Each structure stands twice: as C-alpha cells, then as structure tokens.
Protein backbone atom coordinates (compact mmCIF):
# COMPACT_ATOMS: atom_id res chain seq x y z
CA MET A 1 123.62 125.26 99.09
CA ILE A 2 121.01 122.49 99.32
CA LYS A 3 122.54 119.15 98.52
CA ILE A 4 120.64 116.61 96.50
CA ARG A 5 120.59 114.07 99.19
CA ASP A 6 119.03 116.50 101.63
CA LEU A 7 115.85 117.17 99.54
CA ILE A 8 112.51 115.77 100.65
CA GLN A 9 111.87 112.72 98.68
CA ARG A 10 108.90 112.92 96.20
CA ILE A 11 106.60 109.97 95.97
CA ILE A 12 106.39 110.02 92.17
CA GLU A 13 110.09 110.01 91.70
CA ASP A 14 110.32 106.30 91.74
CA SER A 15 107.36 106.09 89.22
CA ILE A 16 109.07 108.47 86.89
CA ARG A 17 112.43 106.58 87.07
CA ALA A 18 110.56 103.24 86.28
CA ARG A 19 109.24 104.70 83.01
CA LEU A 20 112.54 106.06 81.66
CA PHE A 21 113.65 104.74 78.37
CA LYS A 22 110.32 103.22 77.43
CA GLY A 23 110.14 105.10 74.12
CA LYS A 24 107.86 107.76 75.36
CA VAL A 25 108.09 111.45 76.44
CA ILE A 26 107.55 112.10 80.13
CA LEU A 27 105.46 115.14 81.06
CA LEU A 28 105.71 116.61 84.47
CA LEU A 29 102.81 118.92 85.15
CA GLY A 30 101.85 121.00 88.20
CA ALA A 31 101.39 124.51 89.48
CA ARG A 32 104.29 126.90 90.05
CA GLN A 33 106.68 126.26 92.90
CA THR A 34 105.57 122.59 93.60
CA GLY A 35 109.13 121.25 93.12
CA LYS A 36 109.15 120.18 89.44
CA THR A 37 112.54 121.72 88.62
CA THR A 38 114.11 120.33 91.91
CA LEU A 39 112.81 116.80 91.12
CA LEU A 40 114.12 116.83 87.53
CA LYS A 41 117.47 118.14 88.69
CA LYS A 42 117.85 115.04 90.81
CA ILE A 43 117.51 112.91 87.65
CA PHE A 44 119.62 115.14 85.58
CA HIS A 45 122.34 114.98 88.41
CA ASP A 46 122.42 111.18 88.17
CA TYR A 47 122.91 111.01 84.47
CA GLY A 48 125.88 113.47 84.53
CA GLU A 49 127.48 113.95 81.14
CA ASP A 50 124.73 112.02 79.36
CA ALA A 51 122.05 114.49 80.23
CA LEU A 52 121.18 117.84 78.70
CA TRP A 53 119.29 120.46 80.47
CA LEU A 54 117.31 123.13 78.37
CA ASN A 55 115.56 126.01 79.94
CA ALA A 56 112.88 127.26 77.54
CA ASP A 57 112.83 130.54 79.43
CA GLU A 58 116.08 131.44 77.76
CA TYR A 59 115.69 133.24 74.32
CA ASP A 60 118.27 131.27 72.39
CA ILE A 61 116.66 127.93 73.43
CA LYS A 62 113.22 129.09 72.24
CA GLU A 63 114.88 130.23 68.96
CA ARG A 64 116.42 126.72 68.46
CA PHE A 65 113.01 125.10 68.52
CA LYS A 66 111.35 127.41 66.02
CA HIS A 67 110.42 125.41 62.92
CA PRO A 68 111.90 122.19 64.30
CA THR A 69 113.25 119.36 62.10
CA SER A 70 114.60 116.08 63.10
CA THR A 71 118.08 117.27 61.83
CA SER A 72 118.03 120.58 63.80
CA LEU A 73 116.94 118.76 66.91
CA LYS A 74 119.65 116.27 66.60
CA ALA A 75 122.19 119.10 66.24
CA LEU A 76 120.88 120.43 69.55
CA ILE A 77 120.86 117.29 71.49
CA GLY A 78 123.93 115.59 70.11
CA ASN A 79 124.53 112.25 71.76
CA LYS A 80 122.88 112.85 75.09
CA LYS A 81 120.64 110.00 76.47
CA VAL A 82 118.51 112.21 78.59
CA VAL A 83 117.08 115.54 77.53
CA ILE A 84 115.21 117.63 80.18
CA LEU A 85 113.22 120.62 78.87
CA ASP A 86 112.12 122.96 81.63
CA GLU A 87 109.47 125.58 81.20
CA ALA A 88 108.48 123.86 77.98
CA GLN A 89 105.28 125.80 77.54
CA GLN A 90 107.40 128.65 76.34
CA ILE A 91 108.04 126.95 73.07
CA SER A 92 105.27 127.75 70.56
CA GLU A 93 105.70 124.42 68.78
CA ILE A 94 106.49 122.31 71.63
CA GLY A 95 104.07 119.42 70.63
CA LEU A 96 105.60 119.05 67.24
CA ALA A 97 109.22 119.29 68.63
CA LEU A 98 108.54 116.58 71.21
CA LYS A 99 106.76 114.37 68.67
CA LEU A 100 109.70 114.66 66.18
CA LEU A 101 112.22 113.78 69.01
CA ILE A 102 110.46 110.73 70.29
CA ASP A 103 109.61 109.38 66.80
CA THR A 104 113.02 109.96 65.37
CA TYR A 105 115.21 109.21 68.41
CA PRO A 106 113.32 106.87 70.57
CA GLU A 107 116.41 105.80 72.43
CA VAL A 108 116.63 109.32 73.87
CA GLN A 109 114.64 109.94 77.07
CA VAL A 110 112.86 113.32 76.81
CA ILE A 111 111.40 114.97 79.92
CA ALA A 112 109.33 118.06 79.68
CA SER A 113 107.91 120.12 82.43
CA GLY A 114 106.35 123.59 82.84
CA SER A 115 104.97 125.96 85.29
CA SER A 116 101.99 126.64 83.06
CA ALA A 117 100.32 123.10 83.05
CA PHE A 118 97.38 124.48 81.18
CA GLU A 119 99.46 125.67 78.22
CA LEU A 120 101.65 122.69 78.06
CA GLN A 121 98.79 120.20 78.11
CA ASN A 122 96.95 122.10 75.51
CA ASN A 123 99.98 122.18 73.17
CA THR A 124 100.95 118.57 73.58
CA ASN A 125 97.74 116.45 73.94
CA GLU A 126 97.23 115.86 70.31
CA PRO A 127 100.78 115.51 68.97
CA LEU A 128 101.77 113.18 71.86
CA THR A 129 98.72 110.90 71.78
CA GLY A 130 100.12 107.47 72.64
CA ARG A 131 103.70 108.86 73.06
CA LYS A 132 103.68 110.18 76.66
CA PHE A 133 103.60 109.22 80.32
CA GLU A 134 102.03 112.06 82.28
CA PHE A 135 102.67 112.94 85.86
CA ARG A 136 101.35 115.50 88.16
CA LEU A 137 103.24 117.07 91.07
CA PHE A 138 101.36 118.72 93.88
CA PRO A 139 102.50 120.77 97.01
CA LEU A 140 104.26 118.48 99.43
CA SER A 141 101.94 115.74 100.59
CA TYR A 142 101.42 114.59 104.25
CA ARG A 143 103.03 111.27 103.43
CA GLU A 144 106.08 112.87 101.87
CA LEU A 145 106.50 115.18 104.91
CA ALA A 146 105.85 112.42 107.38
CA ASN A 147 108.43 110.22 105.67
CA HIS A 148 110.88 113.11 105.92
CA ASN A 149 110.10 114.39 109.35
CA GLN A 150 108.79 111.19 111.08
CA VAL A 151 105.13 110.83 111.58
CA MET A 152 105.03 112.13 115.13
CA ILE A 153 106.76 115.42 114.18
CA GLU A 154 104.50 115.96 111.14
CA GLN A 155 101.46 115.31 113.21
CA ARG A 156 102.61 117.98 115.70
CA LEU A 157 102.61 120.46 112.80
CA LEU A 158 99.11 119.62 111.74
CA ASN A 159 97.67 123.02 113.00
CA HIS A 160 100.45 124.75 111.06
CA ARG A 161 99.70 122.85 107.89
CA LEU A 162 95.94 123.61 108.03
CA VAL A 163 96.90 127.36 108.02
CA PHE A 164 99.92 127.72 105.94
CA GLY A 165 99.75 124.71 103.66
CA SER A 166 102.63 122.62 102.39
CA TYR A 167 104.32 124.40 99.44
CA PRO A 168 107.96 123.50 99.56
CA GLU A 169 109.00 127.02 99.87
CA VAL A 170 106.60 127.48 102.73
CA VAL A 171 107.74 124.36 104.53
CA THR A 172 111.47 125.36 104.27
CA ASN A 173 110.93 128.91 105.30
CA GLN A 174 109.60 128.75 108.83
CA GLY A 175 108.74 132.15 110.26
CA ASN A 176 108.30 133.68 106.79
CA GLU A 177 105.27 131.77 105.78
CA VAL A 178 102.96 134.70 105.30
CA GLU A 179 105.37 136.55 103.01
CA VAL A 180 106.09 133.46 100.88
CA LEU A 181 102.36 132.64 100.62
CA LYS A 182 101.57 136.17 99.44
CA LEU A 183 104.27 135.83 96.73
CA LEU A 184 103.00 132.35 95.63
CA SER A 185 99.35 133.48 95.45
CA ASP A 186 100.31 136.47 93.34
CA SER A 187 102.29 134.13 91.13
CA PHE A 188 99.24 132.09 90.56
CA LEU A 189 97.10 134.90 89.69
CA TYR A 190 99.34 137.27 87.77
CA ARG A 191 101.88 135.14 85.98
CA ASP A 192 99.79 132.22 84.65
CA LEU A 193 96.01 132.61 84.61
CA LEU A 194 95.79 136.39 84.01
CA MET A 195 98.06 136.25 80.96
CA LEU A 196 95.65 133.86 79.15
CA GLU A 197 93.68 135.57 76.35
CA SER A 198 90.50 133.88 77.58
CA ILE A 199 90.67 135.88 80.84
CA LYS A 200 88.76 138.98 79.76
CA LYS A 201 88.32 140.44 83.20
CA PRO A 202 91.29 139.79 85.40
CA GLU A 203 89.88 141.53 88.43
CA LYS A 204 86.80 139.21 88.30
CA LEU A 205 88.98 136.19 88.41
CA VAL A 206 90.61 137.40 91.68
CA LYS A 207 87.15 137.91 93.18
CA LEU A 208 86.09 134.53 92.04
CA LEU A 209 89.03 132.97 93.82
CA GLN A 210 88.22 134.83 96.91
CA ALA A 211 84.59 133.82 96.79
CA LEU A 212 85.62 130.21 96.36
CA ALA A 213 87.93 130.55 99.32
CA TYR A 214 85.09 131.50 101.54
CA GLN A 215 82.96 128.57 100.32
CA ILE A 216 85.23 125.54 100.82
CA GLY A 217 83.29 122.66 102.17
CA GLN A 218 79.95 124.11 100.88
CA GLU A 219 78.04 123.53 97.61
CA VAL A 220 78.72 126.08 95.04
CA SER A 221 76.46 127.66 92.39
CA TYR A 222 77.86 129.11 89.29
CA ASN A 223 74.77 131.43 89.20
CA GLU A 224 75.28 132.63 92.73
CA LEU A 225 78.93 133.13 92.19
CA GLY A 226 78.28 135.03 89.04
CA ASN A 227 75.79 137.26 90.76
CA LEU A 228 78.20 137.90 93.59
CA ILE A 229 81.18 138.92 91.28
CA GLY A 230 79.34 140.27 88.37
CA LEU A 231 79.83 137.59 85.67
CA ASP A 232 77.45 135.26 83.96
CA SER A 233 77.36 131.58 84.95
CA LYS A 234 78.98 130.25 81.84
CA THR A 235 82.07 132.63 82.27
CA VAL A 236 82.35 131.47 85.86
CA GLU A 237 82.25 127.88 84.87
CA ALA A 238 84.98 128.57 82.22
CA TYR A 239 87.11 130.41 84.77
CA VAL A 240 86.72 127.43 87.29
CA GLN A 241 87.75 125.05 84.58
CA LEU A 242 90.98 127.07 83.98
CA LEU A 243 91.62 127.19 87.53
CA GLU A 244 91.28 123.41 87.86
CA LYS A 245 93.50 122.86 84.80
CA SER A 246 96.12 125.07 86.41
CA PHE A 247 96.07 123.07 89.59
CA VAL A 248 94.65 125.80 91.88
CA VAL A 249 91.25 124.15 92.69
CA PHE A 250 89.34 121.02 91.86
CA ARG A 251 85.70 120.03 91.82
CA LEU A 252 84.00 117.27 93.82
CA PRO A 253 80.63 116.26 92.35
CA SER A 254 77.61 114.94 94.26
CA PHE A 255 76.81 111.20 94.56
CA SER A 256 73.23 110.00 93.77
CA ARG A 257 71.94 106.60 92.88
CA ASN A 258 68.89 105.48 94.84
CA LEU A 259 67.02 108.37 96.48
CA ARG A 260 64.74 110.96 94.93
CA ASN A 261 65.88 113.69 97.37
CA GLU A 262 69.59 113.28 96.79
CA LEU A 263 71.21 116.23 95.25
CA LYS A 264 72.09 115.19 91.63
CA ALA A 265 73.96 118.04 89.89
CA SER A 266 75.64 119.79 92.78
CA LYS A 267 79.33 120.26 93.47
CA LYS A 268 82.02 121.43 95.93
CA ILE A 269 85.19 123.21 94.99
CA TYR A 270 88.33 122.74 97.16
CA PHE A 271 91.90 124.23 96.98
CA TYR A 272 94.90 122.00 96.42
CA ASP A 273 96.61 123.85 99.32
CA ASN A 274 95.24 125.39 102.43
CA GLY A 275 97.88 128.03 102.51
CA ILE A 276 96.98 129.44 99.05
CA ARG A 277 93.31 129.50 100.11
CA ASN A 278 94.08 131.52 103.23
CA ALA A 279 96.45 133.80 101.36
CA LEU A 280 93.68 134.76 98.95
CA ILE A 281 91.61 136.14 101.91
CA SER A 282 94.71 137.15 104.06
CA SER A 283 93.45 134.84 106.86
CA PHE A 284 96.49 133.57 108.90
CA GLN A 285 95.17 133.42 112.46
CA LEU A 286 96.07 130.39 114.54
CA LEU A 287 93.81 127.45 114.22
CA GLU A 288 92.50 127.68 117.81
CA GLY A 289 89.36 129.80 117.78
CA ARG A 290 88.99 130.00 113.99
CA GLN A 291 85.44 129.83 112.77
CA ASP A 292 86.54 128.01 109.62
CA ARG A 293 88.42 125.26 111.34
CA GLY A 294 86.06 122.56 110.23
CA ALA A 295 86.23 123.85 106.54
CA LEU A 296 89.97 123.90 106.68
CA TRP A 297 90.04 120.42 108.06
CA GLU A 298 87.76 119.17 105.26
CA ASN A 299 89.73 121.00 102.54
CA TYR A 300 92.92 119.53 103.85
CA LEU A 301 91.85 115.90 103.99
CA VAL A 302 90.12 116.02 100.51
CA ALA A 303 93.15 117.66 98.94
CA GLU A 304 95.59 115.35 100.77
CA ARG A 305 93.58 112.26 99.61
CA ARG A 306 93.47 113.52 96.08
CA LYS A 307 97.28 113.75 96.09
CA SER A 308 97.62 110.34 97.50
CA ASN A 309 95.19 108.81 94.96
CA ASP A 310 96.92 110.50 92.04
CA TYR A 311 100.31 109.30 93.17
CA ARG A 312 99.27 105.74 93.62
CA ARG A 313 97.25 105.74 90.37
CA PHE A 314 93.80 105.34 92.07
CA TYR A 315 91.28 105.09 89.19
CA GLY A 316 88.01 105.33 91.10
CA ASN A 317 85.53 108.04 91.41
CA THR A 318 85.15 110.60 94.23
CA TYR A 319 81.95 112.48 95.48
CA PHE A 320 80.29 114.00 98.35
CA TRP A 321 76.68 113.21 99.26
CA ARG A 322 73.88 115.40 100.49
CA THR A 323 70.00 115.35 100.45
CA LYS A 324 67.66 118.33 100.19
CA GLU A 325 67.02 117.95 103.85
CA GLN A 326 70.87 118.70 104.44
CA GLN A 327 71.82 115.24 105.46
CA GLU A 328 75.41 114.68 104.24
CA ILE A 329 78.46 112.61 103.80
CA ASP A 330 81.63 114.54 103.39
CA TYR A 331 83.46 112.23 100.96
CA ILE A 332 82.78 109.04 99.05
CA GLU A 333 85.08 106.86 96.91
CA GLU A 334 83.75 104.36 94.39
CA VAL A 335 86.01 101.54 93.04
CA ASP A 336 84.82 98.65 90.92
CA GLY A 337 81.26 99.24 92.09
CA GLY A 338 82.20 99.24 95.81
CA LEU A 339 81.74 102.25 98.01
CA CYS A 340 83.50 103.83 100.96
CA ALA A 341 81.99 106.77 102.75
CA TYR A 342 83.90 108.99 105.08
CA GLU A 343 82.82 111.76 107.59
CA PHE A 344 85.43 114.27 108.63
CA LYS A 345 85.39 115.64 112.25
CA TRP A 346 88.18 117.56 113.86
CA LYS A 347 87.56 115.95 117.26
CA GLU A 348 86.67 112.26 117.76
CA LYS A 349 83.28 111.89 119.62
CA PRO A 350 81.71 108.39 120.45
CA LYS A 351 78.24 109.64 119.35
CA HIS A 352 79.27 110.15 115.69
CA ARG A 353 77.10 108.24 113.38
CA ILE A 354 76.72 108.01 109.62
CA THR A 355 73.15 109.11 108.78
CA LYS A 356 70.81 106.25 108.56
CA THR A 357 69.25 107.62 105.33
CA PHE A 358 72.51 106.84 103.62
CA THR A 359 73.24 103.52 105.16
CA ARG A 360 69.77 102.28 104.36
CA ALA A 361 70.01 103.36 100.77
CA TYR A 362 73.53 101.93 100.48
CA PRO A 363 73.78 99.05 102.99
CA ASN A 364 76.90 97.53 101.48
CA CYS A 365 78.95 100.71 101.74
CA ALA A 366 81.89 100.77 104.12
CA THR A 367 81.89 103.80 106.50
CA ALA A 368 84.55 105.53 108.53
CA PHE A 369 85.06 108.67 110.63
CA ILE A 370 88.38 110.59 110.02
CA HIS A 371 89.50 112.83 112.80
CA SER A 372 92.65 114.53 114.00
CA GLY A 373 93.59 111.31 115.92
CA ASN A 374 93.39 108.82 113.19
CA TYR A 375 93.90 110.58 109.83
CA ASP A 376 97.32 109.02 109.15
CA GLY A 377 95.69 105.87 107.95
CA PHE A 378 93.44 107.82 105.60
CA LEU A 379 96.32 109.63 103.85
CA VAL A 380 98.15 106.55 102.72
C-alpha cells in the first residue's frame, strides 16, 4: 500500500491549501489518471473526521444530489468542515448543488473534481461565477519529478520521458510503460470524448488524433486535416476544441506584429504528454535514431513550459513565429509588452543563431537557445 508521505509532491497542492476556507468552491480539473484523486486524498487524510468523501460514480450518491435543496444537502454533509466530491461530472445538477452549498454553508470547504473536465466545466461555469477557485492538474511535470528524484536522476531519464511521457501510472510502472500507455490512450478516446453527443463519427476522432500526432511541431491546417480524414474543416476545428478542453492537446498560435510576410493566422497543436502522442501511433522506439526526435523534444519543452506557467499563474501570451520563407522561432512568450524568444535544439551548437529577420523586427526581444544541456532553467 502506498503511504501518503511517499507520494510525489504536486506543485499545486500548496496553492490549493492556501485557498481553503475562503468561501469558494475549489474545482480541480484535468485529464484522466493525472493524479487528482490521489492529491485530494492527501487533503482528505489531513482533516480526518472533519472531512467527507463522496464518490459520484456511486449510484446512491448521484441519487442524493437529484433535485438538490439546501436542507437535503445539509442532511448529507452534516457537520463536516471539508466535503470532497470526486467524479463530480456524473451529477446532472452539479452546478446548482455546488452553488447551494457554497451560498448556504460558506463555512464548509467544498472541493469538486472530475475525470471529464469538459463536462464539469460546462455544468459549473455559469452557476459558480465568482464562487470558485479553479485549478488544473497535468501529468507529472519535470519540476515535480526532479524535486522527487533529484535533478541529476531526472535528467538521466530525459530520453525515457520523451518516449513514454510522465503520467503517474507510467512513471511508477517501469518496464510496463507500453501497456499502461495503451490503456491510458484508450481511456482518453473511449471513456470521455467518444461518449459526447457532439462526436458524430468516433472513428474520425481517432484518425484526427493520429494525424495530429504525426504533425507535432508543424503548422496545421483544418482544411488539410479534414481532407485527410474525411471531415469538413468546421467539424475538425470543433473536435480540436473538445480535445483541448479535455486536456489532450493544446494550440499555439502564430505571432505577428511588424512584418508583412509573417504568418498571421497559423497554429501548431501539441500534446500535453509525449507518451500519449506515441501511444496513438504505436511508436515506442528508443530515442536514438528516431526521425522524430526533434519534434518530440519540441513537444516536450512546450508542454512542460505550459504546465510550469499554469502552476505559477503566468498570465502572459505564448506563440510561435514563422515567415512565408520558413524562417522561424519555436516559442515566444509575451508579458506586459515584453518578448522572450526561444529556439529548441536537441544538441548545443556554437553556430546557433536567432534569425536576423526576427531580431531586426523585434530588437528589444530577449532570446535564448534551449537544448538538452540547459533545459532545467527553462522548466522553472
């Protein structure tokens, strides 16, 4: 049995604890198997007899939340100080129930989480306006693993992470990574997204994910993707938005301000986890000799930076940059009008230079090369 003290410390745990008992519901969102239940059990464990755990997967719990009133909810929670509602998206009137709880019993800390972030957000956004703190939990981040394993050990595992990713179950099941990833990728596809009524052609969603997996690090076109898999561009865009809301992929838009030949409406699409990407196309070869090593490195860095930014409440904008002549910058961050541009290379080379077309157009932009020897500082 895994003991609470032996679990990998999640970065957002302290932030969640700091917002307890502030008169708001705490929502914990994220894809399946990212560790939401494990994190909440740590908090539950600390409050002992003052905490109530409700699993909305259970039929009787769902029934208790039908047609909720403040009286019926009080009868359910009694005198508990902390109420944790896991798999909250299973409750049809979850938004109303949470609103009633926080409005009537503000002294009670309610925490709700769900493995279908899309459904939970949809059902709580309006009722909980101004009444919630929202947190997102991703697969284990580089910093979390480095803090747990020590930086040197985690860096030795870099090649492994680029291929198998960092879902908690993958990290803790060395030697069985392929089997675990196959189960996880099927869970993404068949238990969440494919159950949505808006997914009219499930087999097309699988093909779309596979097409996106082959195009990481490249500009994507909804028209081209649609032609490839047999869907119109609007449906492709709608499916991508669902994948994004479900924390499978995310979009990175193009940056343009000064030059006529800058791409102005382009986008790249990355996966939150390299392992899920590789599982979709059954590609688990060792990193050495892989033709897609550069793409895996880019996806890893952009995804890890996104996790880091979210956890530290970074409120800037992120982009890539490219011209019609294929001059490019892999990643740009904009904060309060200031720009930082990053180029990603697997190996450090003295001749690496940021393209002069960009530096002339944006002379005040800070620049840096991130490679396998210095990436620790980039993933703060």
